[in-house]
Amino acid sequence: MHKLGIDIGSRNTKIVLFDAEHGKILFSAYHATEISASRSVDILIDKMKQQLGNIEIATSCVTGYGRKLYTAADKVKSEISCHAKACHHLFPEARTVIDIGGQDSKVITLNPDGSVKDFLMNDKCAAGTGRFLEMTAIRLQCNLDQLSELAALSDSTIPLGSTCVVFAESEIIGLLAEGHSVANIARAVNMSIAKRIFAQMAPLQCEAPYVFTGGVAQSQDLALCIAKLLDKHLIIPEDPETTGALGAAILA
C-alpha cells in the first residue's frame, strides 16, 4: 500500500511516498514553497510521477506550517505527531527529537513506544530557527549552504548577546565593522541558536538518544554546537529535510 506524506513548510514543501507493506521510502523530494501551496505540492507529485510512473496512492496526509492551505489530502496531522512517528520509525531507540525549521523550532520527548510524551514549540520568535541563518548568510554575503563550512574555520569565540534576530542583525553588522572574521561570526550565530534550543529543552525531561531533524539539521557545525551543549551525540537522518513528510506518510 503506497501512502503519500506532504509537509508544507514556510520555506520548503516536502513529499514522501512510503511503501507501508515493506516499510520503505519509495520517493522523497522537496521544493521551495510558493505562494500557492497546491502548486508546490503538484510540482513535487509531477516529479514523482516522472520518476515512478502513474503509481497508485492509497491514501495521503498533509502536515506542516501550511497544512490547512492544502485540501486535497485525506488526512491532516500536526508536525509534532509526524516528526515523532518518523523518528520512531527510523530510530526506535530515540527519546528526544529536536526539529528546527524555517520559522519555528520544536523539542519533542518520546515514550518507548514512540508516542509523544511532551513537547515545546517556538513559533513566535525567529531566533533559534532557519530564518536566523538566512539573515546571517545575507549579512556575511554567502550562500546559506556555505555557513556551516565557514563556521568550521572559526579560530576564536565571539559571544553573540542578542536573543532577537532584529537586534542580532545589528550586532553582526557591528562585529563585521570591528574586523571580526566571517568564520567566527558564523560560529557565534550557530552557538547562539544552539543555546536557544538548549534553553527551550530545559522545562522538558529530555533523554538520549537525541535525533536532529529539519532542513537546518543539514548544518554540521550547528549540530556540533548543539551536541557540545548537550554533551551527547546527535543522530541525524539521512535526509532530515523530509522527516515530517515521512511521518505524515506513515500516519496517512
Protein backbone atom coordinates (compact mmCIF):
# COMPACT_ATOMS: atom_id res chain seq x y z
CA MET A 1 0.00 0.00 0.00
CA HIS A 2 1.52 3.29 -1.13
CA LYS A 3 0.97 6.28 1.17
CA LEU A 4 1.84 9.89 0.39
CA GLY A 5 3.09 12.29 3.05
CA ILE A 6 3.16 16.04 2.43
CA ASP A 7 4.89 18.62 4.63
CA ILE A 8 4.25 22.24 3.66
CA GLY A 9 6.86 24.32 5.44
CA SER A 10 7.41 28.06 5.48
CA ARG A 11 10.48 27.68 3.28
CA ASN A 12 10.19 24.30 1.55
CA THR A 13 7.43 21.84 0.71
CA LYS A 14 8.36 18.16 1.01
CA ILE A 15 6.75 14.88 -0.05
CA VAL A 16 7.50 11.24 0.72
CA LEU A 17 5.95 8.19 -0.92
CA PHE A 18 6.00 5.32 1.57
CA ASP A 19 5.52 1.61 0.97
CA ALA A 20 3.59 0.68 4.11
CA GLU A 21 3.74 -3.05 3.41
CA HIS A 22 7.54 -3.17 3.36
CA GLY A 23 8.25 -0.07 5.47
CA LYS A 24 10.33 1.58 2.76
CA ILE A 25 10.59 5.07 1.27
CA LEU A 26 9.98 4.88 -2.48
CA PHE A 27 10.42 8.56 -3.26
CA SER A 28 11.23 11.81 -1.48
CA ALA A 29 11.83 15.36 -2.67
CA TYR A 30 11.37 18.98 -1.71
CA HIS A 31 10.69 22.25 -3.50
CA ALA A 32 10.63 25.88 -2.40
CA THR A 33 7.19 26.73 -1.04
CA GLU A 34 5.42 29.04 -3.46
CA ILE A 35 2.54 31.44 -2.83
CA SER A 36 0.20 28.61 -3.82
CA ALA A 37 0.67 25.61 -1.54
CA SER A 38 -1.17 23.41 -4.05
CA ARG A 39 1.23 24.37 -6.84
CA SER A 40 4.25 23.43 -4.70
CA VAL A 41 2.74 20.01 -3.99
CA ASP A 42 1.72 19.48 -7.62
CA ILE A 43 5.26 20.20 -8.82
CA LEU A 44 6.61 17.52 -6.48
CA ILE A 45 3.93 14.98 -7.41
CA ASP A 46 4.68 15.54 -11.10
CA LYS A 47 8.36 14.96 -10.38
CA MET A 48 7.46 11.73 -8.55
CA LYS A 49 5.33 10.51 -11.46
CA GLN A 50 8.12 11.26 -13.92
CA GLN A 51 10.40 9.01 -11.91
CA LEU A 52 7.99 6.26 -10.85
CA GLY A 53 5.20 6.44 -13.42
CA ASN A 54 1.50 6.59 -12.54
CA ILE A 55 1.86 4.80 -9.24
CA GLU A 56 -1.35 4.25 -7.25
CA ILE A 57 -1.62 6.16 -3.97
CA ALA A 58 -3.91 4.56 -1.40
CA THR A 59 -4.09 7.50 0.99
CA SER A 60 -2.39 10.81 1.76
CA CYS A 61 -1.70 13.07 4.72
CA VAL A 62 -0.53 16.68 4.98
CA THR A 63 1.32 18.40 7.82
CA GLY A 64 3.44 21.48 8.39
CA TYR A 65 3.11 25.25 8.53
CA GLY A 66 0.75 25.35 5.54
CA ARG A 67 -1.19 22.16 6.14
CA LYS A 68 -4.54 23.97 6.27
CA LEU A 69 -3.89 25.51 2.85
CA TYR A 70 -3.90 22.15 1.07
CA THR A 71 -7.30 20.47 0.98
CA ALA A 72 -6.66 17.54 -1.37
CA ALA A 73 -5.08 15.28 1.28
CA ASP A 74 -7.13 12.58 3.01
CA LYS A 75 -5.80 13.46 6.47
CA VAL A 76 -4.25 16.41 8.30
CA LYS A 77 -1.79 15.81 11.15
CA SER A 78 0.28 18.05 13.42
CA GLU A 79 4.01 18.45 12.87
CA ILE A 80 4.61 17.14 16.38
CA SER A 81 2.94 13.78 15.74
CA CYS A 82 4.56 13.44 12.30
CA HIS A 83 8.11 14.08 13.48
CA ALA A 84 7.60 11.74 16.43
CA LYS A 85 6.28 8.96 14.20
CA ALA A 86 9.06 9.32 11.63
CA CYS A 87 11.85 9.39 14.19
CA HIS A 88 10.49 6.33 15.97
CA HIS A 89 10.30 4.53 12.61
CA LEU A 90 13.87 5.45 11.69
CA PHE A 91 15.38 5.19 15.18
CA PRO A 92 13.18 3.16 17.58
CA GLU A 93 15.57 3.93 20.42
CA ALA A 94 15.09 7.73 20.07
CA ARG A 95 13.77 9.56 23.12
CA THR A 96 14.14 13.24 22.16
CA VAL A 97 13.57 14.97 18.82
CA ILE A 98 14.99 18.41 18.05
CA ASP A 99 13.42 19.89 14.92
CA ILE A 100 14.48 23.26 13.53
CA GLY A 101 12.58 24.61 10.56
CA GLY A 102 12.49 27.87 8.65
CA GLN A 103 10.33 29.76 11.15
CA ASP A 104 9.94 27.54 14.20
CA SER A 105 11.73 25.05 16.40
CA LYS A 106 10.34 22.09 18.27
CA VAL A 107 11.60 19.79 21.02
CA ILE A 108 9.66 16.55 21.42
CA THR A 109 10.18 13.86 24.03
CA LEU A 110 9.09 10.32 23.21
CA ASN A 111 7.87 7.33 25.16
CA PRO A 112 9.48 3.94 24.43
CA ASP A 113 6.59 3.10 22.06
CA GLY A 114 7.24 6.27 20.04
CA SER A 115 4.21 8.19 21.29
CA VAL A 116 4.65 11.85 22.24
CA LYS A 117 5.49 12.27 25.90
CA ASP A 118 5.78 16.06 25.90
CA PHE A 119 6.85 18.91 23.63
CA LEU A 120 7.62 22.61 23.41
CA MET A 121 7.39 24.70 20.27
CA ASN A 122 8.81 28.13 19.46
CA ASP A 123 6.83 29.70 16.62
CA LYS A 124 6.75 33.27 17.92
CA CYS A 125 10.39 34.29 17.52
CA ALA A 126 12.78 33.73 14.59
CA ALA A 127 15.80 33.33 16.89
CA GLY A 128 16.71 29.66 17.00
CA THR A 129 15.25 28.97 13.54
CA GLY A 130 16.39 28.78 9.95
CA ARG A 131 15.38 32.42 9.44
CA PHE A 132 18.26 33.43 11.71
CA LEU A 133 20.67 31.53 9.45
CA GLU A 134 19.17 33.10 6.32
CA MET A 135 19.67 36.58 7.75
CA THR A 136 23.25 35.69 8.72
CA ALA A 137 24.06 34.42 5.22
CA ILE A 138 22.79 37.68 3.72
CA ARG A 139 24.90 39.79 6.08
CA LEU A 140 28.01 37.63 5.56
CA GLN A 141 27.42 37.71 1.79
CA CYS A 142 27.49 33.95 1.32
CA ASN A 143 25.11 31.17 0.38
CA LEU A 144 23.11 29.54 3.16
CA ASP A 145 24.81 26.22 2.34
CA GLN A 146 28.25 27.78 2.96
CA LEU A 147 27.57 28.88 6.54
CA SER A 148 28.45 25.54 8.12
CA GLU A 149 31.72 25.32 6.20
CA LEU A 150 32.59 28.88 7.20
CA ALA A 151 31.82 28.24 10.87
CA ALA A 152 34.06 25.15 10.83
CA LEU A 153 37.01 27.50 10.09
CA SER A 154 36.41 29.52 13.28
CA ASP A 155 39.50 30.08 15.43
CA SER A 156 38.06 32.08 18.32
CA THR A 157 34.83 32.50 20.28
CA ILE A 158 32.66 35.59 19.92
CA PRO A 159 29.71 35.89 22.30
CA LEU A 160 26.55 36.97 20.50
CA GLY A 161 24.47 38.74 23.10
CA SER A 162 21.24 39.42 21.23
CA THR A 163 18.41 36.89 21.51
CA CYS A 164 16.31 38.66 18.88
CA VAL A 165 17.04 38.32 15.15
CA VAL A 166 16.46 42.05 14.56
CA PHE A 167 18.98 43.07 17.24
CA ALA A 168 21.34 40.23 16.30
CA GLU A 169 21.48 41.56 12.74
CA SER A 170 22.67 44.92 14.08
CA GLU A 171 25.18 43.12 16.29
CA ILE A 172 26.54 41.16 13.31
CA ILE A 173 26.94 44.38 11.31
CA GLY A 174 28.88 45.82 14.27
CA LEU A 175 31.11 42.74 14.52
CA LEU A 176 31.95 42.99 10.81
CA ALA A 177 32.80 46.67 11.24
CA GLU A 178 35.13 45.73 14.12
CA GLY A 179 37.02 43.39 11.80
CA HIS A 180 35.88 40.01 13.13
CA SER A 181 36.15 37.20 10.58
CA VAL A 182 33.05 35.83 8.87
CA ALA A 183 34.04 32.36 10.13
CA ASN A 184 33.99 33.44 13.76
CA ILE A 185 30.69 35.29 13.29
CA ALA A 186 29.12 32.24 11.61
CA ARG A 187 30.20 30.08 14.57
CA ALA A 188 28.83 32.66 17.01
CA VAL A 189 25.43 32.52 15.29
CA ASN A 190 25.40 28.69 15.37
CA MET A 191 26.28 28.69 19.06
CA SER A 192 23.59 31.31 19.72
CA ILE A 193 20.97 29.08 18.07
CA ALA A 194 22.26 26.06 19.97
CA LYS A 195 21.91 27.95 23.26
CA ARG A 196 18.34 28.91 22.36
CA ILE A 197 17.47 25.27 21.68
CA PHE A 198 19.23 24.18 24.87
CA ALA A 199 17.16 26.69 26.87
CA GLN A 200 13.99 25.53 25.11
CA MET A 201 14.71 21.98 26.25
CA ALA A 202 15.14 22.92 29.91
CA PRO A 203 11.47 22.52 31.03
CA LEU A 204 11.26 19.05 29.44
CA GLN A 205 12.65 15.78 30.75
CA CYS A 206 14.89 15.19 27.74
CA GLU A 207 16.81 11.96 27.41
CA ALA A 208 19.23 10.47 24.91
CA PRO A 209 19.27 9.27 22.19
CA TYR A 210 18.65 12.65 20.52
CA VAL A 211 17.53 12.98 16.90
CA PHE A 212 18.05 16.24 14.99
CA THR A 213 15.59 16.86 12.13
CA GLY A 214 14.50 19.64 9.77
CA GLY A 215 16.35 21.38 6.97
CA VAL A 216 18.61 23.17 9.47
CA ALA A 217 19.92 19.76 10.61
CA GLN A 218 21.96 19.72 7.40
CA SER A 219 24.30 22.22 9.10
CA GLN A 220 27.04 20.02 10.53
CA ASP A 221 28.52 22.86 12.55
CA LEU A 222 25.21 23.70 14.21
CA ALA A 223 24.74 20.02 15.03
CA LEU A 224 28.19 20.03 16.65
CA CYS A 225 27.30 23.13 18.70
CA ILE A 226 24.08 21.54 20.00
CA ALA A 227 25.86 18.25 20.73
CA LYS A 228 28.55 20.14 22.65
CA LEU A 229 25.99 21.81 24.93
CA LEU A 230 24.14 18.51 25.47
CA ASP A 231 27.37 16.57 25.84
CA LYS A 232 25.63 13.90 23.77
CA HIS A 233 25.81 12.62 20.21
CA LEU A 234 23.06 13.76 17.82
CA ILE A 235 21.51 11.28 15.39
CA ILE A 236 20.72 12.94 12.05
CA PRO A 237 18.52 11.17 9.48
CA GLU A 238 19.94 10.65 6.01
CA ASP A 239 17.50 13.27 4.70
CA PRO A 240 16.48 15.41 7.71
CA GLU A 241 14.53 17.83 5.49
CA THR A 242 11.84 15.25 4.70
CA THR A 243 11.34 13.77 8.19
CA GLY A 244 7.97 15.47 8.73
CA ALA A 245 6.71 14.26 5.34
CA LEU A 246 7.80 10.73 6.19
CA GLY A 247 5.82 10.86 9.42
CA ALA A 248 2.80 12.16 7.53
CA ALA A 249 3.09 9.27 5.08
CA ILE A 250 3.26 6.70 7.87
CA LEU A 251 0.20 8.27 9.54
CA ALA A 252 -1.77 8.59 6.29
